[in-house]
Amino acid sequence: MTRLSKQWIQHNQVALYAVAVLAAVGLAVGRPTATTALEPLINPVLAVLLYVTFLEIPFVRIRRAFRNGRFMFAALGMNFLVVPVVVFALTRFLPQDPVVLVGVFMVLLTPCIDYVITFTELAGGDAEQITAATPALMLVQLLVLPLYLWLFMGQRVAEFIEAGPFVEAFVVIIALPLSLAWATEYWAERSARGEGWQESMGWLPVPMMGVTLFVVIASQLPRVRASVDQIAAVVPVYVAFLIIMPLLARLVTGGLGMAVGESRALLFTSVTRNSLVVLPLALALPAGYALAPAVVVTQTLVELCGMVVLTRVVPGYLVPDAPARSAPAD
């Protein structure tokens, strides 16, 4: 029964996310003043989400992921070499307002580490491989994001990069959940009680993703509504990114001769972005950059719509199943 219930949650997770988003939009539109009370909950719910997400990643798989050198090379190359070039080119079409640009750069330069696994699986991709590669993608993005911000924005970075809030956000939403996940896995390997705890936590990734989407969107949507003219300018960039990156990734997978599952996984890691984890960093920006979180949340809304489309388009058209080989004639 437990297995069937978890399977039901996994099978219907996109519908559950849609309900959470619609509920958040309804609350934000109907009672916008009430949603401000939700903003202090963003970091706590993200910390819990990432804790249960990291628990889904047995860290012994990191070595296995690096042993698949071709996929790791392609995933790192797409996310940290190709994506920055595409993002820089797309942002040339935006107003060169640092407040808008920093939000766009922060969200588009960071590959997703949570629901990318979900959408890869829904599209029939190699979710095991993308799960194993996630820790490497997470660590590298933390190292290179400041570098790319400096490269693309120059001295303007000094206006908004303050070490204190960024370190606090990193500790609370990444380092602490990651350390607790490691400790839990260690405990589960040596204790029946720890194993039971980890099993119980296995129920939470989908519900916590729904709660996180609700809290983030409901608390930040009033900012989007208040600055709709400025925010509208970034939507075409986000849509273009959703179109361009899968096509580029498909060219790479074809050139490397990847199998169907790996190809689909590469497409999704190339296009899904880390908006939920980046949001607390955007919220930590100085007061003059109050629009940046709305720019990040807008990407979440655009991407969720795009993912629903891509879970159909990728297996149906971009990376269809390999044709079955006919039996040899007698």
C-alpha atoms as a PDB file:
ATOM      1  CA  MET A   1       0.000   0.000   0.000  1.00  0.00           C
ATOM      2  CA  THR A   2       2.821   2.381   0.875  1.00  0.00           C
ATOM      3  CA  ARG A   3       4.497   1.693  -2.426  1.00  0.00           C
ATOM      4  CA  LEU A   4       1.251   2.245  -4.332  1.00  0.00           C
ATOM      5  CA  SER A   5       0.611   5.536  -2.514  1.00  0.00           C
ATOM      6  CA  LYS A   6       4.092   6.815  -3.289  1.00  0.00           C
ATOM      7  CA  GLN A   7       3.702   5.739  -6.879  1.00  0.00           C
ATOM      8  CA  TRP A   8       0.431   7.665  -7.089  1.00  0.00           C
ATOM      9  CA  ILE A   9       2.139  10.795  -5.781  1.00  0.00           C
ATOM     10  CA  GLN A  10       5.009  10.399  -8.240  1.00  0.00           C
ATOM     11  CA  HIS A  11       2.669   9.700 -11.147  1.00  0.00           C
ATOM     12  CA  ASN A  12       0.487  12.736 -10.413  1.00  0.00           C
ATOM     13  CA  GLN A  13       3.191  15.148  -9.308  1.00  0.00           C
ATOM     14  CA  VAL A  14       2.813  17.572 -12.209  1.00  0.00           C
ATOM     15  CA  ALA A  15      -0.899  17.881 -11.471  1.00  0.00           C
ATOM     16  CA  LEU A  16      -0.083  18.477  -7.799  1.00  0.00           C
ATOM     17  CA  TYR A  17       2.396  21.197  -8.757  1.00  0.00           C
ATOM     18  CA  ALA A  18      -0.246  22.799 -10.978  1.00  0.00           C
ATOM     19  CA  VAL A  19      -2.705  22.858  -8.076  1.00  0.00           C
ATOM     20  CA  ALA A  20      -0.071  24.499  -5.860  1.00  0.00           C
ATOM     21  CA  VAL A  21       0.697  27.148  -8.478  1.00  0.00           C
ATOM     22  CA  LEU A  22      -2.983  27.915  -9.110  1.00  0.00           C
ATOM     23  CA  ALA A  23      -3.641  28.162  -5.374  1.00  0.00           C
ATOM     24  CA  ALA A  24      -0.689  30.539  -5.002  1.00  0.00           C
ATOM     25  CA  VAL A  25      -1.861  32.711  -7.895  1.00  0.00           C
ATOM     26  CA  GLY A  26      -5.387  32.761  -6.487  1.00  0.00           C
ATOM     27  CA  LEU A  27      -4.169  33.866  -3.062  1.00  0.00           C
ATOM     28  CA  ALA A  28      -1.786  36.466  -4.480  1.00  0.00           C
ATOM     29  CA  VAL A  29      -4.508  37.972  -6.675  1.00  0.00           C
ATOM     30  CA  GLY A  30      -7.312  37.708  -4.151  1.00  0.00           C
ATOM     31  CA  ARG A  31      -5.440  38.788  -1.016  1.00  0.00           C
ATOM     32  CA  PRO A  32      -2.085  40.275  -2.044  1.00  0.00           C
ATOM     33  CA  THR A  33      -1.464  41.899   1.340  1.00  0.00           C
ATOM     34  CA  ALA A  34      -1.771  38.543   3.111  1.00  0.00           C
ATOM     35  CA  THR A  35       0.962  36.937   1.018  1.00  0.00           C
ATOM     36  CA  THR A  36       3.737  39.100   2.453  1.00  0.00           C
ATOM     37  CA  ALA A  37       3.586  36.978   5.600  1.00  0.00           C
ATOM     38  CA  LEU A  38       4.752  34.012   3.535  1.00  0.00           C
ATOM     39  CA  GLU A  39       8.111  35.503   2.536  1.00  0.00           C
ATOM     40  CA  PRO A  40       9.893  34.559   5.816  1.00  0.00           C
ATOM     41  CA  LEU A  41       8.936  30.938   5.086  1.00  0.00           C
ATOM     42  CA  ILE A  42      10.891  30.769   1.809  1.00  0.00           C
ATOM     43  CA  ASN A  43      14.249  29.797   3.299  1.00  0.00           C
ATOM     44  CA  PRO A  44      12.829  27.194   5.742  1.00  0.00           C
ATOM     45  CA  VAL A  45      10.700  25.427   3.125  1.00  0.00           C
ATOM     46  CA  LEU A  46      13.573  25.499   0.637  1.00  0.00           C
ATOM     47  CA  ALA A  47      15.903  24.019   3.256  1.00  0.00           C
ATOM     48  CA  VAL A  48      13.464  21.148   3.882  1.00  0.00           C
ATOM     49  CA  LEU A  49      12.900  20.658   0.143  1.00  0.00           C
ATOM     50  CA  LEU A  50      16.617  20.438  -0.562  1.00  0.00           C
ATOM     51  CA  TYR A  51      17.181  18.144   2.432  1.00  0.00           C
ATOM     52  CA  VAL A  52      14.638  15.601   1.167  1.00  0.00           C
ATOM     53  CA  THR A  53      15.895  16.095  -2.402  1.00  0.00           C
ATOM     54  CA  PHE A  54      19.507  15.461  -1.390  1.00  0.00           C
ATOM     55  CA  LEU A  55      18.345  12.332   0.461  1.00  0.00           C
ATOM     56  CA  GLU A  56      17.208  11.003  -2.919  1.00  0.00           C
ATOM     57  CA  ILE A  57      20.844  11.213  -4.085  1.00  0.00           C
ATOM     58  CA  PRO A  58      23.023   8.451  -2.628  1.00  0.00           C
ATOM     59  CA  PHE A  59      26.315  10.277  -2.613  1.00  0.00           C
ATOM     60  CA  VAL A  60      28.222   7.149  -3.496  1.00  0.00           C
ATOM     61  CA  ARG A  61      26.802   7.752  -6.957  1.00  0.00           C
ATOM     62  CA  ILE A  62      29.031  10.769  -7.425  1.00  0.00           C
ATOM     63  CA  ARG A  63      31.919   8.472  -8.363  1.00  0.00           C
ATOM     64  CA  ARG A  64      29.665   6.560 -10.761  1.00  0.00           C
ATOM     65  CA  ALA A  65      28.580   9.811 -12.370  1.00  0.00           C
ATOM     66  CA  PHE A  66      32.157  10.884 -12.958  1.00  0.00           C
ATOM     67  CA  ARG A  67      32.936   7.464 -14.417  1.00  0.00           C
ATOM     68  CA  ASN A  68      30.429   8.232 -17.162  1.00  0.00           C
ATOM     69  CA  GLY A  69      32.844  10.771 -18.544  1.00  0.00           C
ATOM     70  CA  ARG A  70      30.940  11.470 -21.725  1.00  0.00           C
ATOM     71  CA  PHE A  71      27.731  12.498 -19.953  1.00  0.00           C
ATOM     72  CA  MET A  72      29.544  14.515 -17.295  1.00  0.00           C
ATOM     73  CA  PHE A  73      31.621  16.303 -19.935  1.00  0.00           C
ATOM     74  CA  ALA A  74      28.482  17.091 -21.924  1.00  0.00           C
ATOM     75  CA  ALA A  75      26.423  18.222 -18.897  1.00  0.00           C
ATOM     76  CA  LEU A  76      29.165  20.472 -17.531  1.00  0.00           C
ATOM     77  CA  GLY A  77      29.997  21.809 -20.973  1.00  0.00           C
ATOM     78  CA  MET A  78      26.383  22.624 -21.833  1.00  0.00           C
ATOM     79  CA  ASN A  79      25.646  24.287 -18.495  1.00  0.00           C
ATOM     80  CA  PHE A  80      28.860  26.204 -17.915  1.00  0.00           C
ATOM     81  CA  LEU A  81      30.189  26.900 -21.417  1.00  0.00           C
ATOM     82  CA  VAL A  82      27.264  26.881 -23.873  1.00  0.00           C
ATOM     83  CA  VAL A  83      24.561  28.291 -21.576  1.00  0.00           C
ATOM     84  CA  PRO A  84      26.579  31.404 -20.588  1.00  0.00           C
ATOM     85  CA  VAL A  85      27.152  32.258 -24.258  1.00  0.00           C
ATOM     86  CA  VAL A  86      23.427  31.849 -25.032  1.00  0.00           C
ATOM     87  CA  VAL A  87      22.405  33.847 -21.958  1.00  0.00           C
ATOM     88  CA  PHE A  88      24.797  36.679 -22.741  1.00  0.00           C
ATOM     89  CA  ALA A  89      23.499  36.851 -26.317  1.00  0.00           C
ATOM     90  CA  LEU A  90      19.841  36.821 -25.237  1.00  0.00           C
ATOM     91  CA  THR A  91      20.323  39.531 -22.637  1.00  0.00           C
ATOM     92  CA  ARG A  92      21.604  41.928 -25.314  1.00  0.00           C
ATOM     93  CA  PHE A  93      17.902  42.295 -26.219  1.00  0.00           C
ATOM     94  CA  LEU A  94      16.960  43.432 -22.694  1.00  0.00           C
ATOM     95  CA  PRO A  95      17.112  46.933 -21.253  1.00  0.00           C
ATOM     96  CA  GLN A  96      20.578  47.159 -19.710  1.00  0.00           C
ATOM     97  CA  ASP A  97      19.177  47.760 -16.252  1.00  0.00           C
ATOM     98  CA  PRO A  98      21.398  46.099 -13.604  1.00  0.00           C
ATOM     99  CA  VAL A  99      18.364  45.271 -11.451  1.00  0.00           C
ATOM    100  CA  VAL A 100      16.787  43.223 -14.233  1.00  0.00           C
ATOM    101  CA  LEU A 101      20.042  41.806 -15.567  1.00  0.00           C
ATOM    102  CA  VAL A 102      21.243  40.443 -12.244  1.00  0.00           C
ATOM    103  CA  GLY A 103      17.998  38.511 -11.781  1.00  0.00           C
ATOM    104  CA  VAL A 104      18.176  37.064 -15.302  1.00  0.00           C
ATOM    105  CA  PHE A 105      21.853  36.144 -14.974  1.00  0.00           C
ATOM    106  CA  MET A 106      21.425  34.567 -11.540  1.00  0.00           C
ATOM    107  CA  VAL A 107      18.596  32.297 -12.635  1.00  0.00           C
ATOM    108  CA  LEU A 108      19.675  31.361 -16.178  1.00  0.00           C
ATOM    109  CA  LEU A 109      23.318  30.640 -15.314  1.00  0.00           C
ATOM    110  CA  THR A 110      22.476  28.036 -12.647  1.00  0.00           C
ATOM    111  CA  PRO A 111      21.334  24.523 -13.663  1.00  0.00           C
ATOM    112  CA  CYS A 112      18.461  22.953 -11.754  1.00  0.00           C
ATOM    113  CA  ILE A 113      19.202  20.453  -8.976  1.00  0.00           C
ATOM    114  CA  ASP A 114      15.706  19.397  -7.939  1.00  0.00           C
ATOM    115  CA  TYR A 115      12.749  19.013 -10.306  1.00  0.00           C
ATOM    116  CA  VAL A 116      15.027  18.393 -13.305  1.00  0.00           C
ATOM    117  CA  ILE A 117      15.026  14.780 -12.083  1.00  0.00           C
ATOM    118  CA  THR A 118      11.226  14.707 -12.131  1.00  0.00           C
ATOM    119  CA  PHE A 119      10.845  16.086 -15.641  1.00  0.00           C
ATOM    120  CA  THR A 120      13.653  13.909 -16.992  1.00  0.00           C
ATOM    121  CA  GLU A 121      11.834  10.874 -15.664  1.00  0.00           C
ATOM    122  CA  LEU A 122       8.474  12.011 -17.033  1.00  0.00           C
ATOM    123  CA  ALA A 123      10.065  12.316 -20.486  1.00  0.00           C
ATOM    124  CA  GLY A 124      11.557   8.822 -20.271  1.00  0.00           C
ATOM    125  CA  GLY A 125      15.104  10.095 -19.793  1.00  0.00           C
ATOM    126  CA  ASP A 126      17.909   8.589 -17.731  1.00  0.00           C
ATOM    127  CA  ALA A 127      16.849   9.958 -14.349  1.00  0.00           C
ATOM    128  CA  GLU A 128      19.474   7.820 -12.627  1.00  0.00           C
ATOM    129  CA  GLN A 129      22.269   9.545 -14.527  1.00  0.00           C
ATOM    130  CA  ILE A 130      20.915  13.040 -13.991  1.00  0.00           C
ATOM    131  CA  THR A 131      20.499  12.270 -10.279  1.00  0.00           C
ATOM    132  CA  ALA A 132      24.091  11.121 -10.039  1.00  0.00           C
ATOM    133  CA  ALA A 133      25.337  14.225 -11.866  1.00  0.00           C
ATOM    134  CA  THR A 134      23.346  16.651  -9.708  1.00  0.00           C
ATOM    135  CA  PRO A 135      25.936  17.081  -6.896  1.00  0.00           C
ATOM    136  CA  ALA A 136      28.630  18.009  -9.403  1.00  0.00           C
ATOM    137  CA  LEU A 137      26.345  20.508 -11.139  1.00  0.00           C
ATOM    138  CA  MET A 138      25.422  22.024  -7.791  1.00  0.00           C
ATOM    139  CA  LEU A 139      28.996  22.474  -6.618  1.00  0.00           C
ATOM    140  CA  VAL A 140      30.283  23.874  -9.903  1.00  0.00           C
ATOM    141  CA  GLN A 141      27.495  26.452 -10.181  1.00  0.00           C
ATOM    142  CA  LEU A 142      28.304  27.780  -6.727  1.00  0.00           C
ATOM    143  CA  LEU A 143      31.877  28.336  -7.842  1.00  0.00           C
ATOM    144  CA  VAL A 144      31.278  29.866 -11.261  1.00  0.00           C
ATOM    145  CA  LEU A 145      28.190  32.051 -10.672  1.00  0.00           C
ATOM    146  CA  PRO A 146      30.181  34.908  -9.059  1.00  0.00           C
ATOM    147  CA  LEU A 147      32.725  34.650 -11.876  1.00  0.00           C
ATOM    148  CA  TYR A 148      30.085  34.962 -14.595  1.00  0.00           C
ATOM    149  CA  LEU A 149      28.321  37.806 -12.792  1.00  0.00           C
ATOM    150  CA  TRP A 150      31.600  39.699 -12.690  1.00  0.00           C
ATOM    151  CA  LEU A 151      32.376  38.830 -16.319  1.00  0.00           C
ATOM    152  CA  PHE A 152      28.974  39.964 -17.617  1.00  0.00           C
ATOM    153  CA  MET A 153      28.323  42.936 -15.309  1.00  0.00           C
ATOM    154  CA  GLY A 154      31.808  44.136 -14.440  1.00  0.00           C
ATOM    155  CA  GLN A 155      32.194  46.626 -11.607  1.00  0.00           C
ATOM    156  CA  ARG A 156      28.430  46.831 -11.129  1.00  0.00           C
ATOM    157  CA  VAL A 157      28.688  43.508  -9.281  1.00  0.00           C
ATOM    158  CA  ALA A 158      30.316  45.330  -6.365  1.00  0.00           C
ATOM    159  CA  GLU A 159      27.084  47.298  -5.889  1.00  0.00           C
ATOM    160  CA  PHE A 160      25.022  44.254  -4.944  1.00  0.00           C
ATOM    161  CA  ILE A 161      27.380  41.468  -3.904  1.00  0.00           C
ATOM    162  CA  GLU A 162      27.534  41.547  -0.128  1.00  0.00           C
ATOM    163  CA  ALA A 163      29.199  38.509   1.358  1.00  0.00           C
ATOM    164  CA  GLY A 164      27.126  38.289   4.551  1.00  0.00           C
ATOM    165  CA  PRO A 165      23.629  37.678   3.135  1.00  0.00           C
ATOM    166  CA  PHE A 166      24.973  35.383   0.421  1.00  0.00           C
ATOM    167  CA  VAL A 167      26.934  33.286   2.913  1.00  0.00           C
ATOM    168  CA  GLU A 168      23.883  33.064   5.177  1.00  0.00           C
ATOM    169  CA  ALA A 169      21.649  31.958   2.297  1.00  0.00           C
ATOM    170  CA  PHE A 170      24.231  29.410   1.183  1.00  0.00           C
ATOM    171  CA  VAL A 171      24.582  27.950   4.678  1.00  0.00           C
ATOM    172  CA  VAL A 172      20.843  27.774   5.371  1.00  0.00           C
ATOM    173  CA  ILE A 173      19.552  26.463   2.068  1.00  0.00           C
ATOM    174  CA  ILE A 174      22.470  24.450   0.703  1.00  0.00           C
ATOM    175  CA  ALA A 175      25.254  23.593   3.146  1.00  0.00           C
ATOM    176  CA  LEU A 176      23.012  22.706   6.099  1.00  0.00           C
ATOM    177  CA  PRO A 177      20.533  20.519   4.155  1.00  0.00           C
ATOM    178  CA  LEU A 178      23.420  18.843   2.324  1.00  0.00           C
ATOM    179  CA  SER A 179      25.259  18.072   5.572  1.00  0.00           C
ATOM    180  CA  LEU A 180      22.086  16.758   7.195  1.00  0.00           C
ATOM    181  CA  ALA A 181      21.410  14.560   4.181  1.00  0.00           C
ATOM    182  CA  TRP A 182      24.918  13.089   4.383  1.00  0.00           C
ATOM    183  CA  ALA A 183      24.463  12.493   8.127  1.00  0.00           C
ATOM    184  CA  THR A 184      21.069  10.872   7.547  1.00  0.00           C
ATOM    185  CA  GLU A 185      22.443   8.520   4.910  1.00  0.00           C
ATOM    186  CA  TYR A 186      25.300   7.585   7.226  1.00  0.00           C
ATOM    187  CA  TRP A 187      22.776   6.963  10.047  1.00  0.00           C
ATOM    188  CA  ALA A 188      20.478   4.924   7.784  1.00  0.00           C
ATOM    189  CA  GLU A 189      23.339   2.611   6.786  1.00  0.00           C
ATOM    190  CA  ARG A 190      24.023   1.757  10.429  1.00  0.00           C
ATOM    191  CA  SER A 191      20.637   1.904  12.152  1.00  0.00           C
ATOM    192  CA  ALA A 192      17.172   0.509  11.530  1.00  0.00           C
ATOM    193  CA  ARG A 193      15.725   3.686  13.022  1.00  0.00           C
ATOM    194  CA  GLY A 194      17.797   5.773  10.639  1.00  0.00           C
ATOM    195  CA  GLU A 195      16.665   3.627   7.734  1.00  0.00           C
ATOM    196  CA  GLY A 196      13.063   4.123   8.804  1.00  0.00           C
ATOM    197  CA  TRP A 197      13.560   7.890   8.997  1.00  0.00           C
ATOM    198  CA  GLN A 198      15.031   7.991   5.507  1.00  0.00           C
ATOM    199  CA  GLU A 199      12.144   5.880   4.216  1.00  0.00           C
ATOM    200  CA  SER A 200       9.654   8.296   5.788  1.00  0.00           C
ATOM    201  CA  MET A 201      11.408  11.249   4.203  1.00  0.00           C
ATOM    202  CA  GLY A 202      10.923   9.556   0.847  1.00  0.00           C
ATOM    203  CA  TRP A 203       7.294  10.694   0.955  1.00  0.00           C
ATOM    204  CA  LEU A 204       8.196  14.361   1.070  1.00  0.00           C
ATOM    205  CA  PRO A 205       9.972  15.491  -2.142  1.00  0.00           C
ATOM    206  CA  VAL A 206       6.784  15.968  -4.183  1.00  0.00           C
ATOM    207  CA  PRO A 207       4.663  17.515  -1.376  1.00  0.00           C
ATOM    208  CA  MET A 208       7.544  19.794  -0.362  1.00  0.00           C
ATOM    209  CA  MET A 209       8.007  20.900  -3.967  1.00  0.00           C
ATOM    210  CA  GLY A 210       4.305  21.796  -4.024  1.00  0.00           C
ATOM    211  CA  VAL A 211       4.592  23.701  -0.733  1.00  0.00           C
ATOM    212  CA  THR A 212       7.701  25.507  -1.968  1.00  0.00           C
ATOM    213  CA  LEU A 213       6.057  26.541  -5.225  1.00  0.00           C
ATOM    214  CA  PHE A 214       3.041  27.799  -3.286  1.00  0.00           C
ATOM    215  CA  VAL A 215       5.084  29.837  -0.801  1.00  0.00           C
ATOM    216  CA  VAL A 216       7.465  31.257  -3.412  1.00  0.00           C
ATOM    217  CA  ILE A 217       4.853  32.215  -5.995  1.00  0.00           C
ATOM    218  CA  ALA A 218       2.260  33.517  -3.529  1.00  0.00           C
ATOM    219  CA  SER A 219       4.806  35.668  -1.712  1.00  0.00           C
ATOM    220  CA  GLN A 220       6.519  37.047  -4.813  1.00  0.00           C
ATOM    221  CA  LEU A 221       3.693  37.406  -7.347  1.00  0.00           C
ATOM    222  CA  PRO A 222       2.596  40.801  -5.974  1.00  0.00           C
ATOM    223  CA  ARG A 223       6.081  42.075  -6.874  1.00  0.00           C
ATOM    224  CA  VAL A 224       5.585  40.816 -10.413  1.00  0.00           C
ATOM    225  CA  ARG A 225       2.194  42.534 -10.667  1.00  0.00           C
ATOM    226  CA  ALA A 226       3.607  45.786  -9.318  1.00  0.00           C
ATOM    227  CA  SER A 227       6.324  45.886 -11.986  1.00  0.00           C
ATOM    228  CA  VAL A 228       4.610  44.125 -14.851  1.00  0.00           C
ATOM    229  CA  ASP A 229       6.059  46.405 -17.560  1.00  0.00           C
ATOM    230  CA  GLN A 230       9.652  45.704 -16.564  1.00  0.00           C
ATOM    231  CA  ILE A 231       9.000  42.032 -15.930  1.00  0.00           C
ATOM    232  CA  ALA A 232       7.269  41.533 -19.283  1.00  0.00           C
ATOM    233  CA  ALA A 233      10.529  42.326 -21.053  1.00  0.00           C
ATOM    234  CA  VAL A 234      12.234  39.222 -19.659  1.00  0.00           C
ATOM    235  CA  VAL A 235       9.510  36.753 -20.664  1.00  0.00           C
ATOM    236  CA  PRO A 236      10.589  36.511 -24.355  1.00  0.00           C
ATOM    237  CA  VAL A 237      14.159  35.855 -23.199  1.00  0.00           C
ATOM    238  CA  TYR A 238      13.011  33.019 -20.964  1.00  0.00           C
ATOM    239  CA  VAL A 239      10.871  31.549 -23.754  1.00  0.00           C
ATOM    240  CA  ALA A 240      13.737  31.806 -26.230  1.00  0.00           C
ATOM    241  CA  PHE A 241      16.012  30.023 -23.767  1.00  0.00           C
ATOM    242  CA  LEU A 242      13.466  27.182 -23.491  1.00  0.00           C
ATOM    243  CA  ILE A 243      13.522  26.813 -27.265  1.00  0.00           C
ATOM    244  CA  ILE A 244      17.215  27.286 -28.018  1.00  0.00           C
ATOM    245  CA  MET A 245      18.805  25.093 -25.349  1.00  0.00           C
ATOM    246  CA  PRO A 246      16.989  21.821 -26.167  1.00  0.00           C
ATOM    247  CA  LEU A 247      17.917  22.264 -29.836  1.00  0.00           C
ATOM    248  CA  LEU A 248      21.578  22.882 -29.026  1.00  0.00           C
ATOM    249  CA  ALA A 249      21.622  19.965 -26.605  1.00  0.00           C
ATOM    250  CA  ARG A 250      20.115  17.742 -29.294  1.00  0.00           C
ATOM    251  CA  LEU A 251      22.945  18.649 -31.639  1.00  0.00           C
ATOM    252  CA  VAL A 252      25.461  17.707 -28.948  1.00  0.00           C
ATOM    253  CA  THR A 253      23.804  14.384 -28.125  1.00  0.00           C
ATOM    254  CA  GLY A 254      23.730  13.494 -31.810  1.00  0.00           C
ATOM    255  CA  GLY A 255      27.378  14.399 -32.218  1.00  0.00           C
ATOM    256  CA  LEU A 256      28.366  12.307 -29.198  1.00  0.00           C
ATOM    257  CA  GLY A 257      26.199   9.370 -30.226  1.00  0.00           C
ATOM    258  CA  MET A 258      24.371   9.254 -26.892  1.00  0.00           C
ATOM    259  CA  ALA A 259      21.662   6.724 -26.146  1.00  0.00           C
ATOM    260  CA  VAL A 260      18.051   7.869 -25.933  1.00  0.00           C
ATOM    261  CA  GLY A 261      17.903   8.028 -22.133  1.00  0.00           C
ATOM    262  CA  GLU A 262      21.154   9.971 -21.816  1.00  0.00           C
ATOM    263  CA  SER A 263      20.139  12.332 -24.615  1.00  0.00           C
ATOM    264  CA  ARG A 264      16.868  13.230 -22.934  1.00  0.00           C
ATOM    265  CA  ALA A 265      18.650  13.721 -19.607  1.00  0.00           C
ATOM    266  CA  LEU A 266      21.136  16.102 -21.227  1.00  0.00           C
ATOM    267  CA  LEU A 267      18.329  18.115 -22.821  1.00  0.00           C
ATOM    268  CA  PHE A 268      16.598  18.628 -19.493  1.00  0.00           C
ATOM    269  CA  THR A 269      19.698  19.521 -17.501  1.00  0.00           C
ATOM    270  CA  SER A 270      20.600  22.019 -20.219  1.00  0.00           C
ATOM    271  CA  VAL A 271      17.266  23.853 -20.045  1.00  0.00           C
ATOM    272  CA  THR A 272      15.944  23.604 -16.460  1.00  0.00           C
ATOM    273  CA  ARG A 273      17.205  26.342 -14.154  1.00  0.00           C
ATOM    274  CA  ASN A 274      17.759  26.624 -10.403  1.00  0.00           C
ATOM    275  CA  SER A 275      15.203  29.345  -9.719  1.00  0.00           C
ATOM    276  CA  LEU A 276      13.999  28.099  -6.332  1.00  0.00           C
ATOM    277  CA  VAL A 277      17.506  27.854  -4.881  1.00  0.00           C
ATOM    278  CA  VAL A 278      18.620  31.150  -6.416  1.00  0.00           C
ATOM    279  CA  LEU A 279      15.600  33.053  -5.078  1.00  0.00           C
ATOM    280  CA  PRO A 280      16.957  33.464  -1.509  1.00  0.00           C
ATOM    281  CA  LEU A 281      20.160  34.842  -3.003  1.00  0.00           C
ATOM    282  CA  ALA A 282      18.081  37.338  -4.986  1.00  0.00           C
ATOM    283  CA  LEU A 283      16.156  38.244  -1.840  1.00  0.00           C
ATOM    284  CA  ALA A 284      19.494  38.921  -0.129  1.00  0.00           C
ATOM    285  CA  LEU A 285      20.322  41.699  -2.605  1.00  0.00           C
ATOM    286  CA  PRO A 286      20.276  45.319  -1.365  1.00  0.00           C
ATOM    287  CA  ALA A 287      17.034  47.318  -1.285  1.00  0.00           C
ATOM    288  CA  GLY A 288      17.654  48.896  -4.678  1.00  0.00           C
ATOM    289  CA  TYR A 289      17.476  45.455  -6.265  1.00  0.00           C
ATOM    290  CA  ALA A 290      14.022  44.565  -4.936  1.00  0.00           C
ATOM    291  CA  LEU A 291      12.828  43.736  -8.468  1.00  0.00           C
ATOM    292  CA  ALA A 292      15.389  40.930  -8.945  1.00  0.00           C
ATOM    293  CA  PRO A 293      13.366  38.289  -6.998  1.00  0.00           C
ATOM    294  CA  ALA A 294      10.352  38.996  -9.217  1.00  0.00           C
ATOM    295  CA  VAL A 295      12.561  38.445 -12.274  1.00  0.00           C
ATOM    296  CA  VAL A 296      13.592  35.067 -10.831  1.00  0.00           C
ATOM    297  CA  VAL A 297      10.015  34.030  -9.974  1.00  0.00           C
ATOM    298  CA  THR A 298       8.862  34.943 -13.481  1.00  0.00           C
ATOM    299  CA  GLN A 299      11.364  32.435 -14.823  1.00  0.00           C
ATOM    300  CA  THR A 300       9.850  29.768 -12.566  1.00  0.00           C
ATOM    301  CA  LEU A 301       6.383  30.381 -13.992  1.00  0.00           C
ATOM    302  CA  VAL A 302       7.599  30.386 -17.599  1.00  0.00           C
ATOM    303  CA  GLU A 303       9.729  27.293 -17.073  1.00  0.00           C
ATOM    304  CA  LEU A 304       6.974  25.223 -15.458  1.00  0.00           C
ATOM    305  CA  CYS A 305       4.769  25.863 -18.489  1.00  0.00           C
ATOM    306  CA  GLY A 306       7.669  24.999 -20.772  1.00  0.00           C
ATOM    307  CA  MET A 307       8.428  21.772 -18.936  1.00  0.00           C
ATOM    308  CA  VAL A 308       4.892  20.503 -19.480  1.00  0.00           C
ATOM    309  CA  VAL A 309       5.428  21.045 -23.213  1.00  0.00           C
ATOM    310  CA  LEU A 310       8.950  19.589 -23.276  1.00  0.00           C
ATOM    311  CA  THR A 311       7.928  16.360 -21.531  1.00  0.00           C
ATOM    312  CA  ARG A 312       5.850  15.728 -24.672  1.00  0.00           C
ATOM    313  CA  VAL A 313       8.060  17.295 -27.329  1.00  0.00           C
ATOM    314  CA  VAL A 314      11.352  15.700 -26.256  1.00  0.00           C
ATOM    315  CA  PRO A 315      10.261  12.028 -26.437  1.00  0.00           C
ATOM    316  CA  GLY A 316       7.822  12.691 -29.270  1.00  0.00           C
ATOM    317  CA  TYR A 317      10.042  14.682 -31.632  1.00  0.00           C
ATOM    318  CA  LEU A 318      13.488  15.734 -30.422  1.00  0.00           C
ATOM    319  CA  VAL A 319      14.654  12.379 -29.037  1.00  0.00           C
ATOM    320  CA  PRO A 320      12.136   9.717 -30.037  1.00  0.00           C
ATOM    321  CA  ASP A 321      12.523   6.121 -29.001  1.00  0.00           C
ATOM    322  CA  ALA A 322      14.965   4.115 -31.076  1.00  0.00           C
ATOM    323  CA  PRO A 323      13.161   2.073 -33.736  1.00  0.00           C
ATOM    324  CA  ALA A 324      12.783  -1.579 -32.811  1.00  0.00           C
ATOM    325  CA  ARG A 325      15.007  -3.857 -34.854  1.00  0.00           C
ATOM    326  CA  SER A 326      13.102  -6.337 -36.954  1.00  0.00           C
ATOM    327  CA  ALA A 327      13.888  -9.977 -36.498  1.00  0.00           C
ATOM    328  CA  PRO A 328      16.270 -11.399 -39.116  1.00  0.00           C
ATOM    329  CA  ALA A 329      14.576 -13.335 -41.884  1.00  0.00           C
ATOM    330  CA  ASP A 330      14.997 -17.100 -41.894  1.00  0.00           C
END
